[in-house]
Amino acid sequence: MLYLIFPTEQAAKDRTYEIARNLGCQQGSTEYWFGWIVSYTNAPESALMVPEDETDKLTPTEVTELKDQAYMEANGWFPPTQNP
């Protein structure tokens, strides 16, 4: 999984909504193409979750801005793991 970071959750939702419309999805069927997450440590910063085989749905600039799992973990995007 790759991640495309946006300053707010609304900005991420707007972009994934736009992608769905550009792919021909009709309102009421598929509202959003990609899911998204909100930063655990820096909300409202949010990121689209982009499977590696779907980067073709992004602009060339967006592709250069994608972050990997290691980056996201190192930068506080996910809650700390709990050891039993």
PDB file of N, CA and C in Angstrom:
ATOM      1  N   MET A   1       0.845  -1.178   0.000  1.00  0.00           N
ATOM      2  CA  MET A   1       0.000   0.000   0.000  1.00  0.00           C
ATOM      3  C   MET A   1       0.887   1.237   0.000  1.00  0.00           C
ATOM      4  N   LEU A   2       0.468   2.224  -0.788  1.00  0.00           N
ATOM      5  CA  LEU A   2       1.131   3.514  -0.819  1.00  0.00           C
ATOM      6  C   LEU A   2       0.141   4.567  -0.323  1.00  0.00           C
ATOM      7  N   TYR A   3       0.663   5.716   0.056  1.00  0.00           N
ATOM      8  CA  TYR A   3      -0.180   6.742   0.668  1.00  0.00           C
ATOM      9  C   TYR A   3       0.090   8.100   0.034  1.00  0.00           C
ATOM     10  N   LEU A   4      -0.985   8.841  -0.241  1.00  0.00           N
ATOM     11  CA  LEU A   4      -0.899  10.189  -0.785  1.00  0.00           C
ATOM     12  C   LEU A   4      -1.461  11.140   0.262  1.00  0.00           C
ATOM     13  N   ILE A   5      -0.610  11.996   0.785  1.00  0.00           N
ATOM     14  CA  ILE A   5      -0.948  12.834   1.932  1.00  0.00           C
ATOM     15  C   ILE A   5      -1.623  14.137   1.505  1.00  0.00           C
ATOM     16  N   PHE A   6      -2.643  14.519   2.280  1.00  0.00           N
ATOM     17  CA  PHE A   6      -3.382  15.767   2.093  1.00  0.00           C
ATOM     18  C   PHE A   6      -3.456  16.507   3.428  1.00  0.00           C
ATOM     19  N   PRO A   7      -3.619  17.827   3.391  1.00  0.00           N
ATOM     20  CA  PRO A   7      -3.631  18.596   4.637  1.00  0.00           C
ATOM     21  C   PRO A   7      -4.866  18.356   5.508  1.00  0.00           C
ATOM     22  N   THR A   8      -5.969  17.939   4.894  1.00  0.00           N
ATOM     23  CA  THR A   8      -7.208  17.702   5.652  1.00  0.00           C
ATOM     24  C   THR A   8      -7.917  16.450   5.138  1.00  0.00           C
ATOM     25  N   GLU A   9      -8.798  15.923   5.964  1.00  0.00           N
ATOM     26  CA  GLU A   9      -9.596  14.779   5.537  1.00  0.00           C
ATOM     27  C   GLU A   9     -10.501  15.164   4.367  1.00  0.00           C
ATOM     28  N   GLN A  10     -11.059  16.360   4.401  1.00  0.00           N
ATOM     29  CA  GLN A  10     -11.935  16.785   3.312  1.00  0.00           C
ATOM     30  C   GLN A  10     -11.188  16.847   1.988  1.00  0.00           C
ATOM     31  N   ALA A  11      -9.944  17.320   2.006  1.00  0.00           N
ATOM     32  CA  ALA A  11      -9.148  17.379   0.774  1.00  0.00           C
ATOM     33  C   ALA A  11      -8.909  15.974   0.219  1.00  0.00           C
ATOM     34  N   ALA A  12      -8.626  15.007   1.093  1.00  0.00           N
ATOM     35  CA  ALA A  12      -8.433  13.620   0.654  1.00  0.00           C
ATOM     36  C   ALA A  12      -9.730  13.062   0.080  1.00  0.00           C
ATOM     37  N   LYS A  13     -10.845  13.297   0.766  1.00  0.00           N
ATOM     38  CA  LYS A  13     -12.139  12.818   0.277  1.00  0.00           C
ATOM     39  C   LYS A  13     -12.487  13.443  -1.076  1.00  0.00           C
ATOM     40  N   ASP A  14     -12.220  14.731  -1.202  1.00  0.00           N
ATOM     41  CA  ASP A  14     -12.517  15.406  -2.470  1.00  0.00           C
ATOM     42  C   ASP A  14     -11.720  14.792  -3.615  1.00  0.00           C
ATOM     43  N   ARG A  15     -10.450  14.468  -3.368  1.00  0.00           N
ATOM     44  CA  ARG A  15      -9.614  13.905  -4.448  1.00  0.00           C
ATOM     45  C   ARG A  15     -10.069  12.505  -4.826  1.00  0.00           C
ATOM     46  N   THR A  16     -10.378  11.648  -3.863  1.00  0.00           N
ATOM     47  CA  THR A  16     -10.809  10.297  -4.195  1.00  0.00           C
ATOM     48  C   THR A  16     -12.196  10.301  -4.847  1.00  0.00           C
ATOM     49  N   TYR A  17     -13.022  11.259  -4.474  1.00  0.00           N
ATOM     50  CA  TYR A  17     -14.319  11.441  -5.125  1.00  0.00           C
ATOM     51  C   TYR A  17     -14.114  11.838  -6.587  1.00  0.00           C
ATOM     52  N   GLU A  18     -13.188  12.771  -6.818  1.00  0.00           N
ATOM     53  CA  GLU A  18     -12.881  13.215  -8.182  1.00  0.00           C
ATOM     54  C   GLU A  18     -12.361  12.049  -9.035  1.00  0.00           C
ATOM     55  N   ILE A  19     -11.507  11.221  -8.462  1.00  0.00           N
ATOM     56  CA  ILE A  19     -10.989  10.061  -9.187  1.00  0.00           C
ATOM     57  C   ILE A  19     -12.129   9.125  -9.585  1.00  0.00           C
ATOM     58  N   ALA A  20     -13.043   8.857  -8.669  1.00  0.00           N
ATOM     59  CA  ALA A  20     -14.187   7.982  -8.969  1.00  0.00           C
ATOM     60  C   ALA A  20     -15.019   8.549 -10.118  1.00  0.00           C
ATOM     61  N   ARG A  21     -15.270   9.853 -10.096  1.00  0.00           N
ATOM     62  CA  ARG A  21     -16.048  10.473 -11.176  1.00  0.00           C
ATOM     63  C   ARG A  21     -15.286  10.370 -12.506  1.00  0.00           C
ATOM     64  N   ASN A  22     -13.970  10.614 -12.466  1.00  0.00           N
ATOM     65  CA  ASN A  22     -13.170  10.543 -13.699  1.00  0.00           C
ATOM     66  C   ASN A  22     -13.143   9.140 -14.289  1.00  0.00           C
ATOM     67  N   LEU A  23     -13.325   8.129 -13.441  1.00  0.00           N
ATOM     68  CA  LEU A  23     -13.343   6.745 -13.910  1.00  0.00           C
ATOM     69  C   LEU A  23     -14.738   6.307 -14.361  1.00  0.00           C
ATOM     70  N   GLY A  24     -15.692   7.220 -14.323  1.00  0.00           N
ATOM     71  CA  GLY A  24     -17.032   6.926 -14.802  1.00  0.00           C
ATOM     72  C   GLY A  24     -17.990   6.391 -13.762  1.00  0.00           C
ATOM     73  N   CYS A  25     -17.594   6.401 -12.509  1.00  0.00           N
ATOM     74  CA  CYS A  25     -18.503   5.948 -11.448  1.00  0.00           C
ATOM     75  C   CYS A  25     -19.624   6.964 -11.294  1.00  0.00           C
ATOM     76  N   GLN A  26     -20.823   6.452 -11.110  1.00  0.00           N
ATOM     77  CA  GLN A  26     -21.981   7.316 -10.952  1.00  0.00           C
ATOM     78  C   GLN A  26     -22.240   7.595  -9.476  1.00  0.00           C
ATOM     79  N   GLN A  27     -22.654   8.823  -9.196  1.00  0.00           N
ATOM     80  CA  GLN A  27     -22.997   9.148  -7.817  1.00  0.00           C
ATOM     81  C   GLN A  27     -24.090   8.204  -7.346  1.00  0.00           C
ATOM     82  N   GLY A  28     -23.920   7.690  -6.142  1.00  0.00           N
ATOM     83  CA  GLY A  28     -24.879   6.737  -5.613  1.00  0.00           C
ATOM     84  C   GLY A  28     -24.399   5.303  -5.726  1.00  0.00           C
ATOM     85  N   SER A  29     -23.403   5.058  -6.581  1.00  0.00           N
ATOM     86  CA  SER A  29     -22.841   3.707  -6.670  1.00  0.00           C
ATOM     87  C   SER A  29     -21.497   3.697  -5.954  1.00  0.00           C
ATOM     88  N   THR A  30     -20.471   4.188  -6.601  1.00  0.00           N
ATOM     89  CA  THR A  30     -19.152   4.284  -5.980  1.00  0.00           C
ATOM     90  C   THR A  30     -18.846   5.761  -5.778  1.00  0.00           C
ATOM     91  N   GLU A  31     -18.941   6.208  -4.530  1.00  0.00           N
ATOM     92  CA  GLU A  31     -18.688   7.620  -4.226  1.00  0.00           C
ATOM     93  C   GLU A  31     -17.192   7.938  -4.241  1.00  0.00           C
ATOM     94  N   TYR A  32     -16.384   7.025  -3.675  1.00  0.00           N
ATOM     95  CA  TYR A  32     -14.955   7.254  -3.518  1.00  0.00           C
ATOM     96  C   TYR A  32     -14.195   6.068  -4.095  1.00  0.00           C
ATOM     97  N   TRP A  33     -13.085   6.326  -4.778  1.00  0.00           N
ATOM     98  CA  TRP A  33     -12.308   5.238  -5.356  1.00  0.00           C
ATOM     99  C   TRP A  33     -11.360   4.634  -4.343  1.00  0.00           C
ATOM    100  N   PHE A  34     -10.596   5.479  -3.649  1.00  0.00           N
ATOM    101  CA  PHE A  34      -9.637   5.009  -2.651  1.00  0.00           C
ATOM    102  C   PHE A  34     -10.162   5.299  -1.253  1.00  0.00           C
ATOM    103  N   GLY A  35      -9.806   4.430  -0.314  1.00  0.00           N
ATOM    104  CA  GLY A  35     -10.063   4.721   1.080  1.00  0.00           C
ATOM    105  C   GLY A  35      -9.030   5.717   1.586  1.00  0.00           C
ATOM    106  N   TRP A  36      -9.201   6.188   2.814  1.00  0.00           N
ATOM    107  CA  TRP A  36      -8.259   7.145   3.379  1.00  0.00           C
ATOM    108  C   TRP A  36      -8.136   6.932   4.881  1.00  0.00           C
ATOM    109  N   ILE A  37      -7.072   7.478   5.418  1.00  0.00           N
ATOM    110  CA  ILE A  37      -6.836   7.436   6.861  1.00  0.00           C
ATOM    111  C   ILE A  37      -6.561   8.854   7.341  1.00  0.00           C
ATOM    112  N   VAL A  38      -6.810   9.076   8.627  1.00  0.00           N
ATOM    113  CA  VAL A  38      -6.477  10.349   9.272  1.00  0.00           C
ATOM    114  C   VAL A  38      -5.258  10.089  10.148  1.00  0.00           C
ATOM    115  N   SER A  39      -4.316  10.997  10.124  1.00  0.00           N
ATOM    116  CA  SER A  39      -3.084  10.846  10.897  1.00  0.00           C
ATOM    117  C   SER A  39      -3.381  10.658  12.384  1.00  0.00           C
ATOM    118  N   TYR A  40      -2.732   9.681  12.988  1.00  0.00           N
ATOM    119  CA  TYR A  40      -2.897   9.415  14.412  1.00  0.00           C
ATOM    120  C   TYR A  40      -2.319  10.551  15.249  1.00  0.00           C
ATOM    121  N   THR A  41      -1.205  11.138  14.807  1.00  0.00           N
ATOM    122  CA  THR A  41      -0.529  12.157  15.612  1.00  0.00           C
ATOM    123  C   THR A  41      -0.671  13.570  15.070  1.00  0.00           C
ATOM    124  N   ASN A  42      -1.208  13.727  13.860  1.00  0.00           N
ATOM    125  CA  ASN A  42      -1.254  15.059  13.268  1.00  0.00           C
ATOM    126  C   ASN A  42      -2.562  15.316  12.521  1.00  0.00           C
ATOM    127  N   ALA A  43      -3.695  14.905  13.111  1.00  0.00           N
ATOM    128  CA  ALA A  43      -4.986  15.190  12.490  1.00  0.00           C
ATOM    129  C   ALA A  43      -5.130  16.707  12.380  1.00  0.00           C
ATOM    130  N   PRO A  44      -5.752  17.210  11.342  1.00  0.00           N
ATOM    131  CA  PRO A  44      -6.614  16.548  10.366  1.00  0.00           C
ATOM    132  C   PRO A  44      -5.888  16.040   9.122  1.00  0.00           C
ATOM    133  N   GLU A  45      -4.529  16.065   9.126  1.00  0.00           N
ATOM    134  CA  GLU A  45      -3.793  15.545   7.981  1.00  0.00           C
ATOM    135  C   GLU A  45      -4.303  14.138   7.664  1.00  0.00           C
ATOM    136  N   SER A  46      -4.525  13.864   6.389  1.00  0.00           N
ATOM    137  CA  SER A  46      -5.102  12.589   5.957  1.00  0.00           C
ATOM    138  C   SER A  46      -4.365  12.087   4.722  1.00  0.00           C
ATOM    139  N   ALA A  47      -4.541  10.797   4.430  1.00  0.00           N
ATOM    140  CA  ALA A  47      -3.844  10.211   3.280  1.00  0.00           C
ATOM    141  C   ALA A  47      -4.738   9.194   2.580  1.00  0.00           C
ATOM    142  N   LEU A  48      -4.722   9.264   1.252  1.00  0.00           N
ATOM    143  CA  LEU A  48      -5.391   8.229   0.464  1.00  0.00           C
ATOM    144  C   LEU A  48      -4.567   6.961   0.539  1.00  0.00           C
ATOM    145  N   MET A  49      -5.226   5.822   0.599  1.00  0.00           N
ATOM    146  CA  MET A  49      -4.571   4.523   0.580  1.00  0.00           C
ATOM    147  C   MET A  49      -4.630   4.014  -0.864  1.00  0.00           C
ATOM    148  N   VAL A  50      -3.468   3.985  -1.513  1.00  0.00           N
ATOM    149  CA  VAL A  50      -3.399   3.675  -2.944  1.00  0.00           C
ATOM    150  C   VAL A  50      -2.681   2.337  -3.145  1.00  0.00           C
ATOM    151  N   PRO A  51      -3.396   1.310  -3.605  1.00  0.00           N
ATOM    152  CA  PRO A  51      -2.707   0.058  -3.919  1.00  0.00           C
ATOM    153  C   PRO A  51      -1.646   0.301  -4.994  1.00  0.00           C
ATOM    154  N   GLU A  52      -0.546  -0.418  -4.899  1.00  0.00           N
ATOM    155  CA  GLU A  52       0.571  -0.206  -5.825  1.00  0.00           C
ATOM    156  C   GLU A  52       0.185  -0.412  -7.284  1.00  0.00           C
ATOM    157  N   ASP A  53      -0.828  -1.240  -7.536  1.00  0.00           N
ATOM    158  CA  ASP A  53      -1.235  -1.481  -8.920  1.00  0.00           C
ATOM    159  C   ASP A  53      -2.287  -0.484  -9.413  1.00  0.00           C
ATOM    160  N   GLU A  54      -2.568   0.572  -8.627  1.00  0.00           N
ATOM    161  CA  GLU A  54      -3.551   1.565  -9.050  1.00  0.00           C
ATOM    162  C   GLU A  54      -2.986   2.980  -9.094  1.00  0.00           C
ATOM    163  N   THR A  55      -1.668   3.097  -9.129  1.00  0.00           N
ATOM    164  CA  THR A  55      -1.070   4.423  -9.187  1.00  0.00           C
ATOM    165  C   THR A  55      -1.363   5.123 -10.517  1.00  0.00           C
ATOM    166  N   ASP A  56      -1.808   4.369 -11.508  1.00  0.00           N
ATOM    167  CA  ASP A  56      -2.164   4.961 -12.797  1.00  0.00           C
ATOM    168  C   ASP A  56      -3.380   5.874 -12.710  1.00  0.00           C
ATOM    169  N   LYS A  57      -4.087   5.834 -11.612  1.00  0.00           N
ATOM    170  CA  LYS A  57      -5.266   6.690 -11.420  1.00  0.00           C
ATOM    171  C   LYS A  57      -4.879   8.079 -10.919  1.00  0.00           C
ATOM    172  N   LEU A  58      -3.598   8.257 -10.603  1.00  0.00           N
ATOM    173  CA  LEU A  58      -3.095   9.521 -10.065  1.00  0.00           C
ATOM    174  C   LEU A  58      -2.373  10.317 -11.145  1.00  0.00           C
ATOM    175  N   THR A  59      -2.182  11.600 -10.881  1.00  0.00           N
ATOM    176  CA  THR A  59      -1.393  12.423 -11.798  1.00  0.00           C
ATOM    177  C   THR A  59       0.086  12.069 -11.616  1.00  0.00           C
ATOM    178  N   PRO A  60       0.927  12.377 -12.599  1.00  0.00           N
ATOM    179  CA  PRO A  60       2.366  12.111 -12.450  1.00  0.00           C
ATOM    180  C   PRO A  60       2.956  12.792 -11.203  1.00  0.00           C
ATOM    181  N   THR A  61       2.518  13.990 -10.897  1.00  0.00           N
ATOM    182  CA  THR A  61       3.005  14.683  -9.701  1.00  0.00           C
ATOM    183  C   THR A  61       2.598  13.937  -8.441  1.00  0.00           C
ATOM    184  N   GLU A  62       1.349  13.479  -8.386  1.00  0.00           N
ATOM    185  CA  GLU A  62       0.886  12.729  -7.215  1.00  0.00           C
ATOM    186  C   GLU A  62       1.698  11.452  -7.027  1.00  0.00           C
ATOM    187  N   VAL A  63       2.033  10.785  -8.117  1.00  0.00           N
ATOM    188  CA  VAL A  63       2.818   9.548  -8.029  1.00  0.00           C
ATOM    189  C   VAL A  63       4.166   9.833  -7.369  1.00  0.00           C
ATOM    190  N   THR A  64       4.785  10.964  -7.690  1.00  0.00           N
ATOM    191  CA  THR A  64       6.083  11.286  -7.085  1.00  0.00           C
ATOM    192  C   THR A  64       5.956  11.608  -5.599  1.00  0.00           C
ATOM    193  N   GLU A  65       4.747  11.934  -5.139  1.00  0.00           N
ATOM    194  CA  GLU A  65       4.525  12.299  -3.742  1.00  0.00           C
ATOM    195  C   GLU A  65       4.090  11.116  -2.871  1.00  0.00           C
ATOM    196  N   LEU A  66       3.912   9.939  -3.452  1.00  0.00           N
ATOM    197  CA  LEU A  66       3.464   8.779  -2.689  1.00  0.00           C
ATOM    198  C   LEU A  66       4.478   8.379  -1.626  1.00  0.00           C
ATOM    199  N   LYS A  67       3.959   7.955  -0.481  1.00  0.00           N
ATOM    200  CA  LYS A  67       4.787   7.506   0.640  1.00  0.00           C
ATOM    201  C   LYS A  67       4.518   6.021   0.879  1.00  0.00           C
ATOM    202  N   ASP A  68       5.536   5.304   1.353  1.00  0.00           N
ATOM    203  CA  ASP A  68       5.362   3.878   1.641  1.00  0.00           C
ATOM    204  C   ASP A  68       5.011   3.658   3.115  1.00  0.00           C
ATOM    205  N   GLN A  69       4.767   2.419   3.453  1.00  0.00           N
ATOM    206  CA  GLN A  69       4.362   2.037   4.809  1.00  0.00           C
ATOM    207  C   GLN A  69       5.416   2.453   5.842  1.00  0.00           C
ATOM    208  N   ALA A  70       6.682   2.247   5.527  1.00  0.00           N
ATOM    209  CA  ALA A  70       7.755   2.584   6.465  1.00  0.00           C
ATOM    210  C   ALA A  70       7.747   4.084   6.782  1.00  0.00           C
ATOM    211  N   TYR A  71       7.549   4.914   5.771  1.00  0.00           N
ATOM    212  CA  TYR A  71       7.478   6.360   5.990  1.00  0.00           C
ATOM    213  C   TYR A  71       6.317   6.699   6.920  1.00  0.00           C
ATOM    214  N   MET A  72       5.170   6.112   6.632  1.00  0.00           N
ATOM    215  CA  MET A  72       3.975   6.421   7.420  1.00  0.00           C
ATOM    216  C   MET A  72       4.151   5.992   8.877  1.00  0.00           C
ATOM    217  N   GLU A  73       4.724   4.816   9.090  1.00  0.00           N
ATOM    218  CA  GLU A  73       4.953   4.340  10.456  1.00  0.00           C
ATOM    219  C   GLU A  73       5.954   5.228  11.182  1.00  0.00           C
ATOM    220  N   ALA A  74       7.016   5.633  10.507  1.00  0.00           N
ATOM    221  CA  ALA A  74       8.054   6.460  11.125  1.00  0.00           C
ATOM    222  C   ALA A  74       7.570   7.875  11.442  1.00  0.00           C
ATOM    223  N   ASN A  75       6.500   8.292  10.800  1.00  0.00           N
ATOM    224  CA  ASN A  75       6.004   9.654  10.977  1.00  0.00           C
ATOM    225  C   ASN A  75       4.677   9.731  11.734  1.00  0.00           C
ATOM    226  N   GLY A  76       4.383   8.710  12.521  1.00  0.00           N
ATOM    227  CA  GLY A  76       3.253   8.757  13.440  1.00  0.00           C
ATOM    228  C   GLY A  76       1.864   8.670  12.847  1.00  0.00           C
ATOM    229  N   TRP A  77       1.739   8.050  11.681  1.00  0.00           N
ATOM    230  CA  TRP A  77       0.428   7.957  11.059  1.00  0.00           C
ATOM    231  C   TRP A  77      -0.472   6.904  11.704  1.00  0.00           C
ATOM    232  N   PHE A  78       0.106   5.938  12.373  1.00  0.00           N
ATOM    233  CA  PHE A  78      -0.681   4.843  12.937  1.00  0.00           C
ATOM    234  C   PHE A  78      -0.516   4.804  14.448  1.00  0.00           C
ATOM    235  N   PRO A  79      -1.517   4.306  15.172  1.00  0.00           N
ATOM    236  CA  PRO A  79      -1.354   4.184  16.621  1.00  0.00           C
ATOM    237  C   PRO A  79      -0.236   3.207  16.949  1.00  0.00           C
ATOM    238  N   PRO A  80       0.415   3.389  18.103  1.00  0.00           N
ATOM    239  CA  PRO A  80       1.474   2.443  18.476  1.00  0.00           C
ATOM    240  C   PRO A  80       0.890   1.034  18.644  1.00  0.00           C
ATOM    241  N   THR A  81       1.700   0.056  18.294  1.00  0.00           N
ATOM    242  CA  THR A  81       1.243  -1.322  18.459  1.00  0.00           C
ATOM    243  C   THR A  81       1.319  -1.711  19.923  1.00  0.00           C
ATOM    244  N   GLN A  82       0.378  -2.502  20.346  1.00  0.00           N
ATOM    245  CA  GLN A  82       0.314  -2.963  21.732  1.00  0.00           C
ATOM    246  C   GLN A  82       0.915  -4.364  21.815  1.00  0.00           C
ATOM    247  N   ASN A  83       1.870  -4.537  22.686  1.00  0.00           N
ATOM    248  CA  ASN A  83       2.435  -5.871  22.910  1.00  0.00           C
ATOM    249  C   ASN A  83       1.668  -6.542  24.042  1.00  0.00           C
ATOM    250  N   PRO A  84       1.180  -7.767  23.823  1.00  0.00           N
ATOM    251  CA  PRO A  84       0.371  -8.440  24.850  1.00  0.00           C
ATOM    252  C   PRO A  84       1.185  -8.787  26.081  1.00  0.00           C
TER     253      PRO A  84
END
